mmCIF file of all heavy atoms, coordinates in Angstrom:
data_MODEL
# 
_entry.id   MODEL 
# 
loop_
_atom_site.group_PDB 
_atom_site.id 
_atom_site.type_symbol 
_atom_site.label_atom_id 
_atom_site.label_alt_id 
_atom_site.label_comp_id 
_atom_site.label_asym_id 
_atom_site.label_entity_id 
_atom_site.label_seq_id 
_atom_site.pdbx_PDB_ins_code 
_atom_site.Cartn_x 
_atom_site.Cartn_y 
_atom_site.Cartn_z 
_atom_site.occupancy 
_atom_site.B_iso_or_equiv 
_atom_site.pdbx_formal_charge 
_atom_site.auth_seq_id 
_atom_site.auth_comp_id 
_atom_site.auth_asym_id 
_atom_site.auth_atom_id 
_atom_site.pdbx_PDB_model_num 
ATOM 1   N N   . ASP A 1 1  ? 14.434  -7.321 4.243  1.00 0.00 ? 1  ASP A N   1 
ATOM 2   C CA  . ASP A 1 1  ? 14.640  -5.892 4.100  1.00 0.00 ? 1  ASP A CA  1 
ATOM 3   C C   . ASP A 1 1  ? 15.813  -5.620 3.150  1.00 0.00 ? 1  ASP A C   1 
ATOM 4   O O   . ASP A 1 1  ? 16.929  -6.043 3.375  1.00 0.00 ? 1  ASP A O   1 
ATOM 5   C CB  . ASP A 1 1  ? 14.892  -5.253 5.444  1.00 0.00 ? 1  ASP A CB  1 
ATOM 6   C CG  . ASP A 1 1  ? 15.062  -3.755 5.399  1.00 0.00 ? 1  ASP A CG  1 
ATOM 7   O OD1 . ASP A 1 1  ? 14.671  -3.193 4.353  1.00 0.00 ? 1  ASP A OD1 1 
ATOM 8   O OD2 . ASP A 1 1  ? 15.538  -3.138 6.362  1.00 0.00 ? 1  ASP A OD2 1 
ATOM 9   N N   . LYS A 1 2  ? 15.497  -4.953 2.063  1.00 0.00 ? 2  LYS A N   1 
ATOM 10  C CA  . LYS A 1 2  ? 16.506  -4.646 1.015  1.00 0.00 ? 2  LYS A CA  1 
ATOM 11  C C   . LYS A 1 2  ? 17.019  -3.187 1.188  1.00 0.00 ? 2  LYS A C   1 
ATOM 12  O O   . LYS A 1 2  ? 17.732  -2.708 0.293  1.00 0.00 ? 2  LYS A O   1 
ATOM 13  C CB  . LYS A 1 2  ? 15.967  -4.864 -0.376 1.00 0.00 ? 2  LYS A CB  1 
ATOM 14  C CG  . LYS A 1 2  ? 15.487  -6.286 -0.672 1.00 0.00 ? 2  LYS A CG  1 
ATOM 15  C CD  . LYS A 1 2  ? 16.597  -7.264 -0.543 1.00 0.00 ? 2  LYS A CD  1 
ATOM 16  C CE  . LYS A 1 2  ? 16.132  -8.686 -0.906 1.00 0.00 ? 2  LYS A CE  1 
ATOM 17  N NZ  . LYS A 1 2  ? 17.202  -9.705 -0.810 1.00 0.00 ? 2  LYS A NZ  1 
ATOM 18  N N   . ASN A 1 3  ? 16.594  -2.518 2.255  1.00 0.00 ? 3  ASN A N   1 
ATOM 19  C CA  . ASN A 1 3  ? 16.963  -1.123 2.462  1.00 0.00 ? 3  ASN A CA  1 
ATOM 20  C C   . ASN A 1 3  ? 16.639  -0.204 1.298  1.00 0.00 ? 3  ASN A C   1 
ATOM 21  O O   . ASN A 1 3  ? 17.346  0.681  0.905  1.00 0.00 ? 3  ASN A O   1 
ATOM 22  C CB  . ASN A 1 3  ? 18.498  -1.005 2.770  1.00 0.00 ? 3  ASN A CB  1 
ATOM 23  C CG  . ASN A 1 3  ? 18.866  -1.602 4.109  1.00 0.00 ? 3  ASN A CG  1 
ATOM 24  O OD1 . ASN A 1 3  ? 18.176  -1.349 5.118  1.00 0.00 ? 3  ASN A OD1 1 
ATOM 25  N ND2 . ASN A 1 3  ? 19.933  -2.384 4.157  1.00 0.00 ? 3  ASN A ND2 1 
ATOM 26  N N   . VAL A 1 4  ? 15.426  -0.504 0.749  1.00 0.00 ? 4  VAL A N   1 
ATOM 27  C CA  . VAL A 1 4  ? 14.908  0.377  -0.323 1.00 0.00 ? 4  VAL A CA  1 
ATOM 28  C C   . VAL A 1 4  ? 14.441  1.671  0.354  1.00 0.00 ? 4  VAL A C   1 
ATOM 29  O O   . VAL A 1 4  ? 14.107  1.665  1.550  1.00 0.00 ? 4  VAL A O   1 
ATOM 30  C CB  . VAL A 1 4  ? 13.745  -0.372 -1.031 1.00 0.00 ? 4  VAL A CB  1 
ATOM 31  C CG1 . VAL A 1 4  ? 13.151  0.528  -2.107 1.00 0.00 ? 4  VAL A CG1 1 
ATOM 32  C CG2 . VAL A 1 4  ? 14.256  -1.672 -1.602 1.00 0.00 ? 4  VAL A CG2 1 
ATOM 33  N N   . ASP A 1 5  ? 14.331  2.746  -0.416 1.00 0.00 ? 5  ASP A N   1 
ATOM 34  C CA  . ASP A 1 5  ? 13.898  3.981  0.178  1.00 0.00 ? 5  ASP A CA  1 
ATOM 35  C C   . ASP A 1 5  ? 12.466  3.812  0.759  1.00 0.00 ? 5  ASP A C   1 
ATOM 36  O O   . ASP A 1 5  ? 11.697  2.979  0.322  1.00 0.00 ? 5  ASP A O   1 
ATOM 37  C CB  . ASP A 1 5  ? 13.910  5.108  -0.893 1.00 0.00 ? 5  ASP A CB  1 
ATOM 38  C CG  . ASP A 1 5  ? 12.930  4.835  -2.014 1.00 0.00 ? 5  ASP A CG  1 
ATOM 39  O OD1 . ASP A 1 5  ? 13.250  4.094  -2.955 1.00 0.00 ? 5  ASP A OD1 1 
ATOM 40  O OD2 . ASP A 1 5  ? 11.782  5.371  -1.950 1.00 0.00 ? 5  ASP A OD2 1 
ATOM 41  N N   . TRP A 1 6  ? 12.146  4.680  1.722  1.00 0.00 ? 6  TRP A N   1 
ATOM 42  C CA  . TRP A 1 6  ? 10.918  4.571  2.481  1.00 0.00 ? 6  TRP A CA  1 
ATOM 43  C C   . TRP A 1 6  ? 9.703   4.597  1.594  1.00 0.00 ? 6  TRP A C   1 
ATOM 44  O O   . TRP A 1 6  ? 8.812   3.769  1.738  1.00 0.00 ? 6  TRP A O   1 
ATOM 45  C CB  . TRP A 1 6  ? 10.828  5.713  3.515  1.00 0.00 ? 6  TRP A CB  1 
ATOM 46  C CG  . TRP A 1 6  ? 9.583   5.680  4.337  1.00 0.00 ? 6  TRP A CG  1 
ATOM 47  C CD1 . TRP A 1 6  ? 9.427   4.995  5.512  1.00 0.00 ? 6  TRP A CD1 1 
ATOM 48  C CD2 . TRP A 1 6  ? 8.383   6.376  4.073  1.00 0.00 ? 6  TRP A CD2 1 
ATOM 49  N NE1 . TRP A 1 6  ? 8.120   5.252  5.980  1.00 0.00 ? 6  TRP A NE1 1 
ATOM 50  C CE2 . TRP A 1 6  ? 7.449   6.079  5.157  1.00 0.00 ? 6  TRP A CE2 1 
ATOM 51  C CE3 . TRP A 1 6  ? 7.900   7.233  3.053  1.00 0.00 ? 6  TRP A CE3 1 
ATOM 52  C CZ2 . TRP A 1 6  ? 6.137   6.559  5.204  1.00 0.00 ? 6  TRP A CZ2 1 
ATOM 53  C CZ3 . TRP A 1 6  ? 6.618   7.677  3.081  1.00 0.00 ? 6  TRP A CZ3 1 
ATOM 54  C CH2 . TRP A 1 6  ? 5.769   7.352  4.141  1.00 0.00 ? 6  TRP A CH2 1 
ATOM 55  N N   . PHE A 1 7  ? 9.640   5.549  0.658  1.00 0.00 ? 7  PHE A N   1 
ATOM 56  C CA  . PHE A 1 7  ? 8.466   5.748  -0.217 1.00 0.00 ? 7  PHE A CA  1 
ATOM 57  C C   . PHE A 1 7  ? 8.217   4.443  -1.021 1.00 0.00 ? 7  PHE A C   1 
ATOM 58  O O   . PHE A 1 7  ? 7.091   3.941  -1.071 1.00 0.00 ? 7  PHE A O   1 
ATOM 59  C CB  . PHE A 1 7  ? 8.714   6.907  -1.187 1.00 0.00 ? 7  PHE A CB  1 
ATOM 60  C CG  . PHE A 1 7  ? 7.545   7.267  -2.015 1.00 0.00 ? 7  PHE A CG  1 
ATOM 61  C CD1 . PHE A 1 7  ? 6.474   8.035  -1.489 1.00 0.00 ? 7  PHE A CD1 1 
ATOM 62  C CD2 . PHE A 1 7  ? 7.451   6.834  -3.332 1.00 0.00 ? 7  PHE A CD2 1 
ATOM 63  C CE1 . PHE A 1 7  ? 5.390   8.403  -2.271 1.00 0.00 ? 7  PHE A CE1 1 
ATOM 64  C CE2 . PHE A 1 7  ? 6.365   7.178  -4.107 1.00 0.00 ? 7  PHE A CE2 1 
ATOM 65  C CZ  . PHE A 1 7  ? 5.340   7.964  -3.565 1.00 0.00 ? 7  PHE A CZ  1 
ATOM 66  N N   . SER A 1 8  ? 9.229   3.923  -1.662 1.00 0.00 ? 8  SER A N   1 
ATOM 67  C CA  . SER A 1 8  ? 9.123   2.686  -2.423 1.00 0.00 ? 8  SER A CA  1 
ATOM 68  C C   . SER A 1 8  ? 8.739   1.464  -1.603 1.00 0.00 ? 8  SER A C   1 
ATOM 69  O O   . SER A 1 8  ? 7.917   0.629  -1.981 1.00 0.00 ? 8  SER A O   1 
ATOM 70  C CB  . SER A 1 8  ? 10.403  2.358  -3.229 1.00 0.00 ? 8  SER A CB  1 
ATOM 71  O OG  . SER A 1 8  ? 10.761  3.388  -4.068 1.00 0.00 ? 8  SER A OG  1 
ATOM 72  N N   . THR A 1 9  ? 9.273   1.407  -0.385 1.00 0.00 ? 9  THR A N   1 
ATOM 73  C CA  . THR A 1 9  ? 8.964   0.308  0.558  1.00 0.00 ? 9  THR A CA  1 
ATOM 74  C C   . THR A 1 9  ? 7.458   0.302  0.882  1.00 0.00 ? 9  THR A C   1 
ATOM 75  O O   . THR A 1 9  ? 6.828   -0.760 0.888  1.00 0.00 ? 9  THR A O   1 
ATOM 76  C CB  . THR A 1 9  ? 9.749   0.483  1.847  1.00 0.00 ? 9  THR A CB  1 
ATOM 77  O OG1 . THR A 1 9  ? 11.154  0.414  1.581  1.00 0.00 ? 9  THR A OG1 1 
ATOM 78  C CG2 . THR A 1 9  ? 9.358   -0.700 2.836  1.00 0.00 ? 9  THR A CG2 1 
ATOM 79  N N   . GLN A 1 10 ? 6.875   1.505  1.121  1.00 0.00 ? 10 GLN A N   1 
ATOM 80  C CA  . GLN A 1 10 ? 5.443   1.567  1.401  1.00 0.00 ? 10 GLN A CA  1 
ATOM 81  C C   . GLN A 1 10 ? 4.564   1.117  0.217  1.00 0.00 ? 10 GLN A C   1 
ATOM 82  O O   . GLN A 1 10 ? 3.574   0.406  0.366  1.00 0.00 ? 10 GLN A O   1 
ATOM 83  C CB  . GLN A 1 10 ? 5.084   2.992  1.814  1.00 0.00 ? 10 GLN A CB  1 
ATOM 84  C CG  . GLN A 1 10 ? 5.856   3.616  2.959  1.00 0.00 ? 10 GLN A CG  1 
ATOM 85  C CD  . GLN A 1 10 ? 5.833   2.760  4.192  1.00 0.00 ? 10 GLN A CD  1 
ATOM 86  O OE1 . GLN A 1 10 ? 4.794   2.255  4.622  1.00 0.00 ? 10 GLN A OE1 1 
ATOM 87  N NE2 . GLN A 1 10 ? 7.000   2.593  4.855  1.00 0.00 ? 10 GLN A NE2 1 
ATOM 88  N N   . LEU A 1 11 ? 4.979   1.581  -0.950 1.00 0.00 ? 11 LEU A N   1 
ATOM 89  C CA  . LEU A 1 11 ? 4.172   1.250  -2.178 1.00 0.00 ? 11 LEU A CA  1 
ATOM 90  C C   . LEU A 1 11 ? 4.277   -0.233 -2.547 1.00 0.00 ? 11 LEU A C   1 
ATOM 91  O O   . LEU A 1 11 ? 3.315   -0.855 -3.022 1.00 0.00 ? 11 LEU A O   1 
ATOM 92  C CB  . LEU A 1 11 ? 4.649   2.089  -3.371 1.00 0.00 ? 11 LEU A CB  1 
ATOM 93  C CG  . LEU A 1 11 ? 4.354   3.586  -3.246 1.00 0.00 ? 11 LEU A CG  1 
ATOM 94  C CD1 . LEU A 1 11 ? 4.802   4.328  -4.505 1.00 0.00 ? 11 LEU A CD1 1 
ATOM 95  C CD2 . LEU A 1 11 ? 2.835   3.813  -3.092 1.00 0.00 ? 11 LEU A CD2 1 
ATOM 96  N N   . GLN A 1 12 ? 5.414   -0.861 -2.327 1.00 0.00 ? 12 GLN A N   1 
ATOM 97  C CA  . GLN A 1 12 ? 5.613   -2.262 -2.674 1.00 0.00 ? 12 GLN A CA  1 
ATOM 98  C C   . GLN A 1 12 ? 4.794   -3.202 -1.762 1.00 0.00 ? 12 GLN A C   1 
ATOM 99  O O   . GLN A 1 12 ? 4.422   -4.315 -2.158 1.00 0.00 ? 12 GLN A O   1 
ATOM 100 C CB  . GLN A 1 12 ? 7.091   -2.704 -2.531 1.00 0.00 ? 12 GLN A CB  1 
ATOM 101 C CG  . GLN A 1 12 ? 7.988   -2.119 -3.581 1.00 0.00 ? 12 GLN A CG  1 
ATOM 102 C CD  . GLN A 1 12 ? 9.413   -2.489 -3.382 1.00 0.00 ? 12 GLN A CD  1 
ATOM 103 O OE1 . GLN A 1 12 ? 9.771   -3.127 -2.383 1.00 0.00 ? 12 GLN A OE1 1 
ATOM 104 N NE2 . GLN A 1 12 ? 10.317  -2.089 -4.278 1.00 0.00 ? 12 GLN A NE2 1 
ATOM 105 N N   . ALA A 1 13 ? 4.444   -2.707 -0.562 1.00 0.00 ? 13 ALA A N   1 
ATOM 106 C CA  . ALA A 1 13 ? 3.816   -3.568 0.434  1.00 0.00 ? 13 ALA A CA  1 
ATOM 107 C C   . ALA A 1 13 ? 2.312   -3.298 0.576  1.00 0.00 ? 13 ALA A C   1 
ATOM 108 O O   . ALA A 1 13 ? 1.726   -3.990 1.425  1.00 0.00 ? 13 ALA A O   1 
ATOM 109 C CB  . ALA A 1 13 ? 4.490   -3.371 1.780  1.00 0.00 ? 13 ALA A CB  1 
ATOM 110 N N   . THR A 1 14 ? 1.743   -2.357 -0.156 1.00 0.00 ? 14 THR A N   1 
ATOM 111 C CA  . THR A 1 14 ? 0.355   -2.032 0.067  1.00 0.00 ? 14 THR A CA  1 
ATOM 112 C C   . THR A 1 14 ? -0.445  -2.038 -1.183 1.00 0.00 ? 14 THR A C   1 
ATOM 113 O O   . THR A 1 14 ? 0.071   -1.744 -2.291 1.00 0.00 ? 14 THR A O   1 
ATOM 114 C CB  . THR A 1 14 ? 0.258   -0.599 0.719  1.00 0.00 ? 14 THR A CB  1 
ATOM 115 O OG1 . THR A 1 14 ? 0.884   0.338  -0.103 1.00 0.00 ? 14 THR A OG1 1 
ATOM 116 C CG2 . THR A 1 14 ? 0.840   -0.585 2.126  1.00 0.00 ? 14 THR A CG2 1 
ATOM 117 N N   . CYS A 1 15 ? -1.760  -2.389 -1.043 1.00 0.00 ? 15 CYS A N   1 
ATOM 118 C CA  . CYS A 1 15 ? -2.619  -2.234 -2.182 1.00 0.00 ? 15 CYS A CA  1 
ATOM 119 C C   . CYS A 1 15 ? -3.967  -1.802 -1.694 1.00 0.00 ? 15 CYS A C   1 
ATOM 120 O O   . CYS A 1 15 ? -4.290  -1.958 -0.483 1.00 0.00 ? 15 CYS A O   1 
ATOM 121 C CB  . CYS A 1 15 ? -2.745  -3.539 -2.945 1.00 0.00 ? 15 CYS A CB  1 
ATOM 122 S SG  . CYS A 1 15 ? -3.502  -4.912 -2.030 1.00 0.00 ? 15 CYS A SG  1 
ATOM 123 N N   . ASN A 1 16 ? -4.754  -1.173 -2.497 1.00 0.00 ? 16 ASN A N   1 
ATOM 124 C CA  . ASN A 1 16 ? -6.081  -0.691 -2.185 1.00 0.00 ? 16 ASN A CA  1 
ATOM 125 C C   . ASN A 1 16 ? -7.171  -1.727 -2.527 1.00 0.00 ? 16 ASN A C   1 
ATOM 126 O O   . ASN A 1 16 ? -6.959  -2.566 -3.382 1.00 0.00 ? 16 ASN A O   1 
ATOM 127 C CB  . ASN A 1 16 ? -6.411  0.660  -2.808 1.00 0.00 ? 16 ASN A CB  1 
ATOM 128 C CG  . ASN A 1 16 ? -5.690  1.823  -2.155 1.00 0.00 ? 16 ASN A CG  1 
ATOM 129 O OD1 . ASN A 1 16 ? -4.949  1.596  -1.195 1.00 0.00 ? 16 ASN A OD1 1 
ATOM 130 N ND2 . ASN A 1 16 ? -5.866  2.995  -2.716 1.00 0.00 ? 16 ASN A ND2 1 
ATOM 131 N N   . VAL A 1 17 ? -8.337  -1.593 -1.906 1.00 0.00 ? 17 VAL A N   1 
ATOM 132 C CA  . VAL A 1 17 ? -9.459  -2.457 -2.175 1.00 0.00 ? 17 VAL A CA  1 
ATOM 133 C C   . VAL A 1 17 ? -10.584 -1.541 -2.612 1.00 0.00 ? 17 VAL A C   1 
ATOM 134 O O   . VAL A 1 17 ? -10.706 -0.380 -2.134 1.00 0.00 ? 17 VAL A O   1 
ATOM 135 C CB  . VAL A 1 17 ? -9.870  -3.216 -0.895 1.00 0.00 ? 17 VAL A CB  1 
ATOM 136 C CG1 . VAL A 1 17 ? -11.142 -4.021 -1.148 1.00 0.00 ? 17 VAL A CG1 1 
ATOM 137 C CG2 . VAL A 1 17 ? -8.736  -4.179 -0.506 1.00 0.00 ? 17 VAL A CG2 1 
ATOM 138 N N   . HIS A 1 18 ? -11.382 -1.990 -3.523 1.00 0.00 ? 18 HIS A N   1 
ATOM 139 C CA  . HIS A 1 18 ? -12.441 -1.173 -4.131 1.00 0.00 ? 18 HIS A CA  1 
ATOM 140 C C   . HIS A 1 18 ? -13.233 -0.352 -3.120 1.00 0.00 ? 18 HIS A C   1 
ATOM 141 O O   . HIS A 1 18 ? -13.604 -0.858 -2.096 1.00 0.00 ? 18 HIS A O   1 
ATOM 142 C CB  . HIS A 1 18 ? -13.451 -2.102 -4.884 1.00 0.00 ? 18 HIS A CB  1 
ATOM 143 C CG  . HIS A 1 18 ? -14.571 -1.417 -5.488 1.00 0.00 ? 18 HIS A CG  1 
ATOM 144 N ND1 . HIS A 1 18 ? -14.428 -0.547 -6.592 1.00 0.00 ? 18 HIS A ND1 1 
ATOM 145 C CD2 . HIS A 1 18 ? -15.912 -1.360 -5.203 1.00 0.00 ? 18 HIS A CD2 1 
ATOM 146 C CE1 . HIS A 1 18 ? -15.620 -0.079 -6.891 1.00 0.00 ? 18 HIS A CE1 1 
ATOM 147 N NE2 . HIS A 1 18 ? -16.541 -0.531 -6.050 1.00 0.00 ? 18 HIS A NE2 1 
ATOM 148 N N   . GLN A 1 19 ? -13.428 0.915  -3.451 1.00 0.00 ? 19 GLN A N   1 
ATOM 149 C CA  . GLN A 1 19 ? -14.190 1.766  -2.596 1.00 0.00 ? 19 GLN A CA  1 
ATOM 150 C C   . GLN A 1 19 ? -15.713 1.578  -2.776 1.00 0.00 ? 19 GLN A C   1 
ATOM 151 O O   . GLN A 1 19 ? -16.229 1.521  -3.877 1.00 0.00 ? 19 GLN A O   1 
ATOM 152 C CB  . GLN A 1 19 ? -13.877 3.243  -2.809 1.00 0.00 ? 19 GLN A CB  1 
ATOM 153 C CG  . GLN A 1 19 ? -14.608 4.194  -1.883 1.00 0.00 ? 19 GLN A CG  1 
ATOM 154 C CD  . GLN A 1 19 ? -14.462 5.631  -2.260 1.00 0.00 ? 19 GLN A CD  1 
ATOM 155 O OE1 . GLN A 1 19 ? -14.103 6.009  -3.394 1.00 0.00 ? 19 GLN A OE1 1 
ATOM 156 N NE2 . GLN A 1 19 ? -14.798 6.537  -1.320 1.00 0.00 ? 19 GLN A NE2 1 
ATOM 157 N N   . SER A 1 20 ? -16.380 1.465  -1.651 1.00 0.00 ? 20 SER A N   1 
ATOM 158 C CA  . SER A 1 20 ? -17.892 1.481  -1.626 1.00 0.00 ? 20 SER A CA  1 
ATOM 159 C C   . SER A 1 20 ? -18.241 1.889  -0.186 1.00 0.00 ? 20 SER A C   1 
ATOM 160 O O   . SER A 1 20 ? -17.402 1.924  0.713  1.00 0.00 ? 20 SER A O   1 
ATOM 161 C CB  . SER A 1 20 ? -18.427 0.066  -1.945 1.00 0.00 ? 20 SER A CB  1 
ATOM 162 O OG  . SER A 1 20 ? -18.142 -0.842 -0.880 1.00 0.00 ? 20 SER A OG  1 
ATOM 163 N N   . PHE A 1 21 ? -19.512 2.248  -0.013 1.00 0.00 ? 21 PHE A N   1 
ATOM 164 C CA  . PHE A 1 21 ? -19.928 2.630  1.300  1.00 0.00 ? 21 PHE A CA  1 
ATOM 165 C C   . PHE A 1 21 ? -19.710 1.501  2.312  1.00 0.00 ? 21 PHE A C   1 
ATOM 166 O O   . PHE A 1 21 ? -19.254 1.737  3.405  1.00 0.00 ? 21 PHE A O   1 
ATOM 167 C CB  . PHE A 1 21 ? -21.425 3.009  1.254  1.00 0.00 ? 21 PHE A CB  1 
ATOM 168 C CG  . PHE A 1 21 ? -21.984 3.433  2.595  1.00 0.00 ? 21 PHE A CG  1 
ATOM 169 C CD1 . PHE A 1 21 ? -21.805 4.710  3.094  1.00 0.00 ? 21 PHE A CD1 1 
ATOM 170 C CD2 . PHE A 1 21 ? -22.692 2.502  3.353  1.00 0.00 ? 21 PHE A CD2 1 
ATOM 171 C CE1 . PHE A 1 21 ? -22.303 5.023  4.306  1.00 0.00 ? 21 PHE A CE1 1 
ATOM 172 C CE2 . PHE A 1 21 ? -23.197 2.846  4.628  1.00 0.00 ? 21 PHE A CE2 1 
ATOM 173 C CZ  . PHE A 1 21 ? -22.993 4.112  5.124  1.00 0.00 ? 21 PHE A CZ  1 
ATOM 174 N N   . PHE A 1 22 ? -20.021 0.286  1.886  1.00 0.00 ? 22 PHE A N   1 
ATOM 175 C CA  . PHE A 1 22 ? -19.841 -0.872 2.753  1.00 0.00 ? 22 PHE A CA  1 
ATOM 176 C C   . PHE A 1 22 ? -18.344 -1.135 3.041  1.00 0.00 ? 22 PHE A C   1 
ATOM 177 O O   . PHE A 1 22 ? -17.927 -1.333 4.202  1.00 0.00 ? 22 PHE A O   1 
ATOM 178 C CB  . PHE A 1 22 ? -20.436 -2.151 2.181  1.00 0.00 ? 22 PHE A CB  1 
ATOM 179 C CG  . PHE A 1 22 ? -20.171 -3.366 2.975  1.00 0.00 ? 22 PHE A CG  1 
ATOM 180 C CD1 . PHE A 1 22 ? -20.882 -3.658 4.150  1.00 0.00 ? 22 PHE A CD1 1 
ATOM 181 C CD2 . PHE A 1 22 ? -19.139 -4.264 2.655  1.00 0.00 ? 22 PHE A CD2 1 
ATOM 182 C CE1 . PHE A 1 22 ? -20.643 -4.790 4.912  1.00 0.00 ? 22 PHE A CE1 1 
ATOM 183 C CE2 . PHE A 1 22 ? -18.873 -5.357 3.385  1.00 0.00 ? 22 PHE A CE2 1 
ATOM 184 C CZ  . PHE A 1 22 ? -19.669 -5.637 4.508  1.00 0.00 ? 22 PHE A CZ  1 
ATOM 185 N N   . ASN A 1 23 ? -17.500 -1.116 1.998  1.00 0.00 ? 23 ASN A N   1 
ATOM 186 C CA  . ASN A 1 23 ? -16.084 -1.405 2.199  1.00 0.00 ? 23 ASN A CA  1 
ATOM 187 C C   . ASN A 1 23 ? -15.398 -0.326 3.087  1.00 0.00 ? 23 ASN A C   1 
ATOM 188 O O   . ASN A 1 23 ? -14.538 -0.650 3.884  1.00 0.00 ? 23 ASN A O   1 
ATOM 189 C CB  . ASN A 1 23 ? -15.388 -1.457 0.875  1.00 0.00 ? 23 ASN A CB  1 
ATOM 190 C CG  . ASN A 1 23 ? -15.620 -2.803 0.161  1.00 0.00 ? 23 ASN A CG  1 
ATOM 191 O OD1 . ASN A 1 23 ? -16.203 -3.699 0.723  1.00 0.00 ? 23 ASN A OD1 1 
ATOM 192 N ND2 . ASN A 1 23 ? -15.149 -2.886 -1.077 1.00 0.00 ? 23 ASN A ND2 1 
ATOM 193 N N   . ASP A 1 24 ? -15.827 0.924  2.908  1.00 0.00 ? 24 ASP A N   1 
ATOM 194 C CA  . ASP A 1 24 ? -15.250 1.991  3.764  1.00 0.00 ? 24 ASP A CA  1 
ATOM 195 C C   . ASP A 1 24 ? -15.630 1.738  5.217  1.00 0.00 ? 24 ASP A C   1 
ATOM 196 O O   . ASP A 1 24 ? -14.763 1.871  6.123  1.00 0.00 ? 24 ASP A O   1 
ATOM 197 C CB  . ASP A 1 24 ? -15.824 3.376  3.293  1.00 0.00 ? 24 ASP A CB  1 
ATOM 198 C CG  . ASP A 1 24 ? -15.260 3.808  1.963  1.00 0.00 ? 24 ASP A CG  1 
ATOM 199 O OD1 . ASP A 1 24 ? -14.403 3.139  1.432  1.00 0.00 ? 24 ASP A OD1 1 
ATOM 200 O OD2 . ASP A 1 24 ? -15.743 4.838  1.502  1.00 0.00 ? 24 ASP A OD2 1 
# 
């Protein structure tokens, strides 16, 4: 934990996966 602001912490740790009917 580097005590980065909350918003940046969330973005650094998450990624999306391609949207499709099956993936959803």
